[in-house]
Amino acid sequence: MPIRPDRILADIEAIAGFSENPPTIGYSRPTFTPQWVAARDYVIEQAKAAGCKVRIDAAGNVHARPTTVDWDAKIWLSGSHIDSVPTGGKYDGVMGIVVPLEVLRAANEDGRQQLPLELVIFAEEEGTTFNLGMLGSHAWAGSLLLDRLVTVKNRDGQNYLEAGASCGVSAERMADERLKPGQYRGLIEVHAEQGVSMWNNDVPLAIVTAINGRRQYAGTIVGQANHAGSTSMHDRRDALVALAEIMVALEALANELSERSPQTVITIGQVWPKPNAINVIPGEVTFTLDFRGASNAILGEGDERLRQVFTSVTSRRSLDLTMIETEFLCAVPLDAAVCGAIETAAKSIGLVNLPAVASGALHDAAILAPIIPTAMLFVASEGGISHNPKEFSRLEDIGTAARILDALVRQS
């Protein structure tokens, strides 16, 4: 049976229905919440109906492959995530789940019970549930150990092990179930581009050959809270104004670095001023910073220069600064052979000259790439909108991605 885009759309809509928010606000599925579990269980039920067996690894990731394919057989892996940011869209992550799900369905209907494909749902990709991303893939890959998983907390104060215990997470089994080199033929993650380039250039699909690196930071600037009416401008030690000056300087730094490496971006995404009162000068401000670049050289230079900005501004204003790096993920080249396999599969269904692009956003693929051959297939996002309920990708493009994946797996 052919790939059926109508079933892909039905899956997307069904998963969107498992949300803490109404659609007008955006779709919300924090990892291990009832909504996340319901979405996960929906995919599990659909996979079983397509003739698959299912297991959940010690990191909380879900794996589904045809019942006639042994768990130790070396096959292809394809998947993404179903957790979302608080006001997310229908397609981010979910697209990468429903595409291999449909490929498994179509194969089962055709009697291809030996299809060498495993669907994976990675737990906690976004990072908004525990304030650190790709936890499921990190834990499975062994690049994030138990001592870190017990320090990250969700909104209920539970760490990853506690929150995930009812969803299969097990500290005792984690080392034994760790991903091993050579365990899979390769990973193909299908994902929305989350950028405007492909849509604006009428490019429906593209092969991702690299994923940009990321450094993240958390910090606090401390000055002195004081009366807003009786403290002169000269006598103020305003922590929030200092951060505002730093933000402008960082924007200029990012623009400068992007002249050499266009995908360089710097974002201060969270700010918590104290005491946050209308008539009090902010005496303290806590912030987070996200810095991304296409090369490790840019990430190194940018780290040094942004630290200089913070030190210069806070010293001149007689403020105290504390800043730590919370994450450093190197820029990752993806596997040339897997990229070539995607290109060959695309040609077999009549698509030639798929462009090669780099991903500015991070994905679970970046975590697994050092261990197993990995590549990604991007689908264009309308207007580049993502992490937003207006997020949209054309159904025909998603269906084409499924046909490419199907062709790749069948030809291998």
Protein backbone atom coordinates (compact mmCIF):
# COMPACT_ATOMS: atom_id res chain seq x y z
CA MET A 1 0.00 0.00 0.00
CA PRO A 2 1.25 3.54 -0.70
CA ILE A 3 2.09 6.11 1.93
CA ARG A 4 -1.14 7.83 2.93
CA PRO A 5 -0.81 11.52 3.87
CA ASP A 6 -4.38 11.50 5.24
CA ARG A 7 -3.29 9.08 7.96
CA ILE A 8 -0.26 11.22 8.73
CA LEU A 9 -2.57 14.21 9.17
CA ALA A 10 -4.87 12.18 11.41
CA ASP A 11 -1.89 11.26 13.59
CA ILE A 12 -0.76 14.89 13.83
CA GLU A 13 -4.25 16.04 14.82
CA ALA A 14 -4.66 13.22 17.34
CA ILE A 15 -1.38 14.03 19.07
CA ALA A 16 -2.23 17.75 19.07
CA GLY A 17 -5.35 16.86 21.05
CA PHE A 18 -3.20 15.78 24.00
CA SER A 19 -2.35 19.23 25.33
CA GLU A 20 -2.53 21.22 28.54
CA ASN A 21 -3.55 24.33 26.54
CA PRO A 22 -6.36 25.13 24.14
CA PRO A 23 -5.12 25.43 20.52
CA THR A 24 -5.43 29.22 20.51
CA ILE A 25 -2.71 29.44 23.15
CA GLY A 26 -0.53 26.67 21.74
CA TYR A 27 0.08 22.99 22.33
CA SER A 28 1.74 22.01 25.61
CA ARG A 29 3.07 18.52 26.44
CA PRO A 30 5.76 18.60 29.13
CA THR A 31 7.61 15.30 29.34
CA PHE A 32 6.09 12.65 31.63
CA THR A 33 2.88 14.66 32.21
CA PRO A 34 -0.49 12.97 31.58
CA GLN A 35 -0.71 14.72 28.20
CA TRP A 36 2.73 13.46 27.15
CA VAL A 37 1.89 9.94 28.31
CA ALA A 38 -1.40 10.01 26.38
CA ALA A 39 0.39 11.10 23.20
CA ARG A 40 3.05 8.44 23.73
CA ASP A 41 0.43 5.75 24.31
CA TYR A 42 -1.41 6.81 21.15
CA VAL A 43 1.74 6.23 19.11
CA ILE A 44 2.34 2.90 20.85
CA GLU A 45 -1.20 1.74 20.05
CA GLN A 46 -0.83 2.77 16.41
CA ALA A 47 2.53 1.01 16.14
CA LYS A 48 1.11 -2.20 17.61
CA ALA A 49 -1.80 -2.02 15.18
CA ALA A 50 0.83 -1.81 12.41
CA GLY A 51 2.34 -5.10 13.51
CA CYS A 52 5.05 -3.76 15.79
CA LYS A 53 6.36 -4.75 19.18
CA VAL A 54 7.28 -2.03 21.66
CA ARG A 55 9.78 -1.57 24.44
CA ILE A 56 10.71 1.40 26.64
CA ASP A 57 14.38 1.81 27.49
CA ALA A 58 15.77 2.89 30.85
CA ALA A 59 15.95 6.53 29.75
CA GLY A 60 12.21 6.62 28.97
CA ASN A 61 12.56 6.46 25.18
CA VAL A 62 10.02 4.35 23.28
CA HIS A 63 11.15 1.87 20.59
CA ALA A 64 8.87 0.08 18.09
CA ARG A 65 9.90 -2.34 15.34
CA PRO A 66 8.11 -5.11 13.40
CA THR A 67 7.33 -8.11 15.58
CA THR A 68 9.24 -10.43 13.24
CA VAL A 69 12.47 -8.40 13.56
CA ASP A 70 14.63 -9.36 16.55
CA TRP A 71 15.58 -6.62 19.00
CA ASP A 72 19.26 -7.28 18.40
CA ALA A 73 18.92 -7.07 14.58
CA LYS A 74 20.87 -4.16 13.08
CA ILE A 75 18.29 -1.99 11.34
CA TRP A 76 17.50 1.66 10.61
CA LEU A 77 16.32 4.01 13.36
CA SER A 78 13.97 6.94 12.75
CA GLY A 79 12.14 9.19 15.18
CA SER A 80 12.03 12.43 17.10
CA HIS A 81 10.05 13.74 20.09
CA ILE A 82 6.49 14.50 21.22
CA ASP A 83 7.21 16.86 24.12
CA SER A 84 6.67 20.53 23.35
CA VAL A 85 7.48 24.02 24.48
CA PRO A 86 4.68 25.64 26.56
CA THR A 87 3.03 27.29 23.54
CA GLY A 88 4.18 25.02 20.73
CA GLY A 89 2.78 23.95 17.39
CA LYS A 90 1.53 20.68 15.95
CA TYR A 91 4.56 19.77 13.86
CA ASP A 92 7.75 20.26 15.89
CA GLY A 93 9.04 16.79 16.75
CA VAL A 94 5.69 15.15 16.01
CA MET A 95 6.45 15.14 12.28
CA GLY A 96 9.49 12.97 12.93
CA ILE A 97 7.32 10.45 14.80
CA VAL A 98 4.39 10.12 12.41
CA VAL A 99 6.57 9.74 9.30
CA PRO A 100 8.24 6.46 10.37
CA LEU A 101 4.94 5.37 11.92
CA GLU A 102 3.26 5.66 8.51
CA VAL A 103 6.16 3.86 6.83
CA LEU A 104 5.71 0.96 9.27
CA ARG A 105 1.94 0.96 8.60
CA ALA A 106 2.35 0.86 4.84
CA ALA A 107 4.91 -1.94 5.08
CA ASN A 108 2.62 -3.99 7.30
CA GLU A 109 -0.24 -3.60 4.82
CA ASP A 110 2.06 -4.72 2.03
CA GLY A 111 3.10 -7.81 3.97
CA ARG A 112 6.65 -6.50 4.45
CA GLN A 113 6.87 -7.71 8.04
CA GLN A 114 10.67 -7.77 7.93
CA LEU A 115 11.02 -4.04 7.25
CA PRO A 116 14.37 -3.03 8.82
CA LEU A 117 13.05 0.07 10.60
CA GLU A 118 12.62 1.03 14.23
CA LEU A 119 10.57 4.01 15.39
CA VAL A 120 11.91 5.89 18.42
CA ILE A 121 10.23 8.53 20.60
CA PHE A 122 12.93 10.43 22.48
CA ALA A 123 11.95 11.72 25.91
CA GLU A 124 12.41 15.42 26.81
CA GLU A 125 13.99 16.96 23.74
CA GLU A 126 12.88 20.56 24.13
CA GLY A 127 14.46 21.28 27.49
CA THR A 128 11.51 23.28 28.82
CA THR A 129 10.34 20.58 31.23
CA PHE A 130 13.66 20.17 33.06
CA ASN A 131 15.55 23.23 31.74
CA LEU A 132 17.98 21.02 29.85
CA GLY A 133 17.38 19.56 26.41
CA MET A 134 17.71 16.14 24.76
CA LEU A 135 17.68 14.30 28.09
CA GLY A 136 16.28 11.04 26.71
CA SER A 137 18.83 10.80 23.90
CA HIS A 138 21.65 12.02 26.18
CA ALA A 139 20.87 9.38 28.80
CA TRP A 140 20.57 6.62 26.18
CA ALA A 141 23.84 7.69 24.56
CA GLY A 142 25.60 7.89 27.93
CA SER A 143 26.62 11.51 27.37
CA LEU A 144 24.64 12.61 30.43
CA LEU A 145 25.08 10.51 33.54
CA LEU A 146 22.90 9.87 36.57
CA ASP A 147 24.51 12.57 38.69
CA ARG A 148 23.21 15.17 36.23
CA LEU A 149 19.77 13.61 35.80
CA VAL A 150 19.09 13.93 39.53
CA THR A 151 19.87 17.66 39.53
CA VAL A 152 17.43 18.76 36.81
CA LYS A 153 13.94 19.47 38.17
CA ASN A 154 10.50 19.95 36.62
CA ARG A 155 7.87 22.43 37.81
CA ASP A 156 6.79 19.98 40.53
CA GLY A 157 10.30 19.75 41.93
CA GLN A 158 10.86 16.21 40.66
CA ASN A 159 14.13 15.24 39.05
CA TYR A 160 14.25 13.29 35.79
CA LEU A 161 14.47 9.90 37.49
CA GLU A 162 11.58 10.63 39.85
CA ALA A 163 9.29 12.13 37.22
CA GLY A 164 10.02 9.37 34.72
CA ALA A 165 9.81 6.38 37.06
CA SER A 166 6.25 5.55 36.02
CA CYS A 167 7.23 5.96 32.35
CA GLY A 168 10.00 3.39 32.32
CA VAL A 169 12.97 5.45 33.54
CA SER A 170 15.29 3.25 35.61
CA ALA A 171 18.66 4.21 37.06
CA GLU A 172 19.49 0.56 37.67
CA ARG A 173 19.04 -0.45 34.01
CA MET A 174 20.47 2.64 32.34
CA ALA A 175 24.10 1.56 31.97
CA ASP A 176 23.17 -1.89 30.61
CA GLU A 177 20.74 -0.47 28.05
CA ARG A 178 23.03 2.25 26.75
CA LEU A 179 23.26 2.77 22.98
CA LYS A 180 26.29 1.02 21.49
CA PRO A 181 28.26 1.85 18.33
CA GLY A 182 27.21 -0.40 15.48
CA GLN A 183 23.85 -1.16 17.05
CA TYR A 184 21.95 0.45 14.14
CA ARG A 185 22.57 0.97 10.44
CA GLY A 186 21.89 4.62 11.02
CA LEU A 187 19.45 7.26 12.27
CA ILE A 188 17.30 9.44 10.03
CA GLU A 189 15.42 12.18 11.86
CA VAL A 190 12.70 13.96 9.89
CA HIS A 191 11.96 17.44 11.20
CA ALA A 192 10.48 20.78 10.28
CA GLU A 193 13.21 23.25 9.31
CA GLN A 194 12.13 25.85 11.94
CA GLY A 195 13.62 28.55 9.76
CA VAL A 196 12.52 30.67 6.83
CA SER A 197 15.16 29.82 4.24
CA MET A 198 13.58 26.74 2.65
CA TRP A 199 10.06 28.18 2.55
CA ASN A 200 11.19 31.49 1.07
CA ASN A 201 13.23 29.72 -1.60
CA ASP A 202 10.45 27.24 -2.47
CA VAL A 203 12.50 24.28 -1.27
CA PRO A 204 10.09 21.69 0.18
CA LEU A 205 12.73 19.23 1.44
CA ALA A 206 16.46 19.32 2.15
CA ILE A 207 19.17 17.02 3.49
CA VAL A 208 20.74 18.22 6.73
CA THR A 209 24.50 17.69 6.64
CA ALA A 210 25.45 19.48 9.90
CA ILE A 211 23.92 20.71 13.16
CA ASN A 212 25.13 23.91 14.78
CA GLY A 213 26.66 23.85 18.24
CA ARG A 214 25.28 25.53 21.34
CA ARG A 215 26.56 27.04 24.55
CA GLN A 216 24.08 27.99 27.25
CA TYR A 217 24.63 30.01 30.41
CA ALA A 218 22.84 31.05 33.57
CA GLY A 219 23.83 34.06 35.59
CA THR A 220 23.00 36.72 38.15
CA ILE A 221 23.94 40.40 38.31
CA VAL A 222 23.71 41.97 41.76
CA GLY A 223 23.58 45.69 42.45
CA GLN A 224 21.51 47.46 45.07
CA ALA A 225 17.76 47.80 45.37
CA ASN A 226 16.78 51.35 46.30
CA HIS A 227 13.99 53.89 46.20
CA ALA A 228 13.05 54.81 42.63
CA GLY A 229 12.06 58.35 43.56
CA SER A 230 14.83 59.48 45.87
CA THR A 231 17.92 57.79 44.37
CA SER A 232 19.64 59.95 41.77
CA MET A 233 20.66 58.47 38.46
CA HIS A 234 24.31 58.96 39.39
CA ASP A 235 23.96 56.98 42.62
CA ARG A 236 22.16 53.96 41.22
CA ARG A 237 23.49 50.37 40.99
CA ASP A 238 20.72 49.11 38.72
CA ALA A 239 21.23 45.46 37.79
CA LEU A 240 18.51 45.44 35.14
CA VAL A 241 19.89 48.46 33.27
CA ALA A 242 23.27 46.74 33.21
CA LEU A 243 21.71 43.64 31.65
CA ALA A 244 19.93 45.82 29.10
CA GLU A 245 23.27 47.37 28.09
CA ILE A 246 24.79 43.90 27.86
CA MET A 247 21.93 42.67 25.66
CA VAL A 248 22.49 45.46 23.16
CA ALA A 249 26.23 44.71 23.11
CA LEU A 250 25.58 41.02 22.59
CA GLU A 251 23.29 41.79 19.66
CA ALA A 252 26.13 43.74 18.08
CA LEU A 253 28.56 40.90 18.80
CA ALA A 254 26.27 38.33 17.19
CA ASN A 255 25.84 40.54 14.11
CA GLU A 256 29.60 40.91 13.82
CA LEU A 257 30.26 37.18 14.14
CA SER A 258 27.46 36.38 11.69
CA GLU A 259 29.30 38.30 8.98
CA ARG A 260 31.84 35.46 9.04
CA SER A 261 29.46 32.68 10.07
CA PRO A 262 25.87 33.59 9.13
CA GLN A 263 24.15 31.18 11.51
CA THR A 264 25.66 32.74 14.63
CA VAL A 265 22.94 33.84 17.08
CA ILE A 266 22.89 35.03 20.70
CA THR A 267 19.70 35.19 22.76
CA ILE A 268 18.96 36.19 26.34
CA GLY A 269 15.68 34.33 26.66
CA GLN A 270 14.79 34.52 30.36
CA VAL A 271 15.07 37.47 32.73
CA TRP A 272 13.97 37.62 36.39
CA PRO A 273 14.48 41.03 38.00
CA LYS A 274 14.18 41.52 41.77
CA PRO A 275 12.29 42.84 43.60
CA ASN A 276 10.26 43.51 40.44
CA ALA A 277 8.32 46.40 41.92
CA ILE A 278 7.24 49.60 40.16
CA ASN A 279 8.92 51.96 42.59
CA VAL A 280 12.11 49.99 43.40
CA ILE A 281 15.37 50.02 41.46
CA PRO A 282 16.15 46.42 40.47
CA GLY A 283 18.91 45.27 42.79
CA GLU A 284 19.32 41.87 41.20
CA VAL A 285 18.58 40.20 37.89
CA THR A 286 18.93 36.55 36.94
CA PHE A 287 19.12 35.55 33.28
CA THR A 288 19.75 32.75 30.81
CA LEU A 289 21.75 33.03 27.60
CA ASP A 290 21.70 30.84 24.48
CA PHE A 291 24.60 31.12 22.00
CA ARG A 292 24.75 29.07 18.79
CA GLY A 293 27.22 28.81 15.97
CA ALA A 294 28.09 26.69 12.96
CA SER A 295 31.69 26.01 13.98
CA ASN A 296 33.51 25.24 17.18
CA ALA A 297 35.92 28.09 16.40
CA ILE A 298 33.04 30.59 16.42
CA LEU A 299 31.68 29.06 19.62
CA GLY A 300 35.09 29.45 21.26
CA GLU A 301 35.66 33.03 20.13
CA GLY A 302 32.11 34.04 20.99
CA ASP A 303 32.36 32.54 24.47
CA GLU A 304 35.47 34.59 25.22
CA ARG A 305 34.05 37.82 23.85
CA LEU A 306 30.61 37.60 25.46
CA ARG A 307 32.25 37.01 28.83
CA GLN A 308 34.30 40.15 28.24
CA VAL A 309 31.09 42.09 27.62
CA PHE A 310 29.57 40.95 30.91
CA THR A 311 32.74 41.67 32.88
CA SER A 312 33.28 45.09 31.32
CA VAL A 313 29.73 46.36 31.92
CA THR A 314 29.34 45.01 35.46
CA SER A 315 32.78 46.22 36.54
CA ARG A 316 32.19 49.73 35.22
CA ARG A 317 28.85 49.87 37.04
CA SER A 318 30.26 48.41 40.29
CA LEU A 319 28.03 45.34 40.13
CA ASP A 320 28.70 41.73 41.08
CA LEU A 321 28.44 39.04 38.40
CA THR A 322 28.02 35.29 38.67
CA MET A 323 27.74 33.33 35.43
CA ILE A 324 28.13 29.63 34.70
CA GLU A 325 28.00 27.64 31.49
CA THR A 326 25.16 25.12 31.80
CA GLU A 327 25.64 23.35 28.47
CA PHE A 328 28.22 23.06 25.70
CA LEU A 329 27.38 21.00 22.63
CA CYS A 330 29.87 21.10 19.77
CA ALA A 331 28.85 21.70 16.17
CA VAL A 332 28.19 18.26 14.65
CA PRO A 333 28.82 17.14 11.05
CA LEU A 334 26.34 14.46 9.99
CA ASP A 335 27.22 11.22 8.26
CA ALA A 336 28.03 11.58 4.55
CA ALA A 337 26.98 8.02 3.74
CA VAL A 338 23.56 8.39 5.34
CA CYS A 339 23.11 11.76 3.62
CA GLY A 340 23.97 9.99 0.38
CA ALA A 341 21.44 7.26 1.10
CA ILE A 342 18.74 9.91 1.56
CA GLU A 343 19.72 11.51 -1.74
CA THR A 344 19.62 8.14 -3.54
CA ALA A 345 16.21 7.33 -2.06
CA ALA A 346 14.89 10.74 -3.10
CA LYS A 347 16.08 10.16 -6.68
CA SER A 348 14.33 6.79 -6.73
CA ILE A 349 10.98 8.55 -6.25
CA GLY A 350 11.75 11.26 -8.80
CA LEU A 351 13.35 13.98 -6.65
CA VAL A 352 16.75 15.13 -7.84
CA ASN A 353 19.22 17.61 -6.42
CA LEU A 354 17.86 17.86 -2.90
CA PRO A 355 19.79 20.80 -1.39
CA ALA A 356 22.11 20.36 1.58
CA VAL A 357 21.54 22.61 4.60
CA ALA A 358 22.76 23.01 8.18
CA SER A 359 20.42 23.03 11.16
CA GLY A 360 20.49 26.07 13.40
CA ALA A 361 18.33 24.28 15.96
CA LEU A 362 19.58 21.35 18.01
CA HIS A 363 17.98 17.92 17.75
CA ASP A 364 18.33 14.46 19.25
CA ALA A 365 20.22 13.58 16.07
CA ALA A 366 23.13 15.71 17.29
CA ILE A 367 23.41 13.58 20.44
CA LEU A 368 23.43 10.24 18.61
CA ALA A 369 25.63 11.34 15.68
CA PRO A 370 28.95 10.63 17.47
CA ILE A 371 27.79 7.04 18.14
CA ILE A 372 25.84 5.86 15.08
CA PRO A 373 25.71 7.14 11.46
CA THR A 374 23.16 9.95 11.48
CA ALA A 375 21.50 12.41 9.11
CA MET A 376 18.34 14.49 9.00
CA LEU A 377 15.69 15.34 6.44
CA PHE A 378 14.15 18.79 6.73
CA VAL A 379 10.63 19.75 5.65
CA ALA A 380 9.93 23.43 4.98
CA SER A 381 8.10 25.48 7.63
CA GLU A 382 5.68 28.17 6.48
CA GLY A 383 7.26 31.53 7.21
CA GLY A 384 9.89 29.82 9.35
CA ILE A 385 7.47 29.86 12.28
CA SER A 386 8.08 27.31 15.04
CA HIS A 387 7.46 26.98 18.79
CA ASN A 388 4.19 28.70 17.99
CA PRO A 389 0.62 27.44 17.41
CA LYS A 390 0.81 28.93 13.87
CA GLU A 391 3.55 26.46 12.95
CA PHE A 392 2.73 24.71 9.66
CA SER A 393 4.28 22.41 7.08
CA ARG A 394 2.55 21.21 3.93
CA LEU A 395 1.06 17.75 4.20
CA GLU A 396 2.26 16.82 0.74
CA ASP A 397 5.84 17.63 1.77
CA ILE A 398 5.55 15.49 4.91
CA GLY A 399 4.14 12.68 2.77
CA THR A 400 7.10 12.99 0.41
CA ALA A 401 9.49 12.73 3.36
CA ALA A 402 7.73 9.49 4.32
CA ARG A 403 8.14 8.15 0.77
CA ILE A 404 11.86 8.96 0.88
CA LEU A 405 12.28 7.18 4.22
CA ASP A 406 10.33 4.20 2.91
CA ALA A 407 12.47 4.02 -0.22
CA LEU A 408 15.69 4.31 1.79
CA VAL A 409 14.75 1.49 4.17
CA ARG A 410 13.51 -0.79 1.38
CA GLN A 411 16.63 -0.31 -0.70
CA SER A 412 19.08 -0.96 2.12
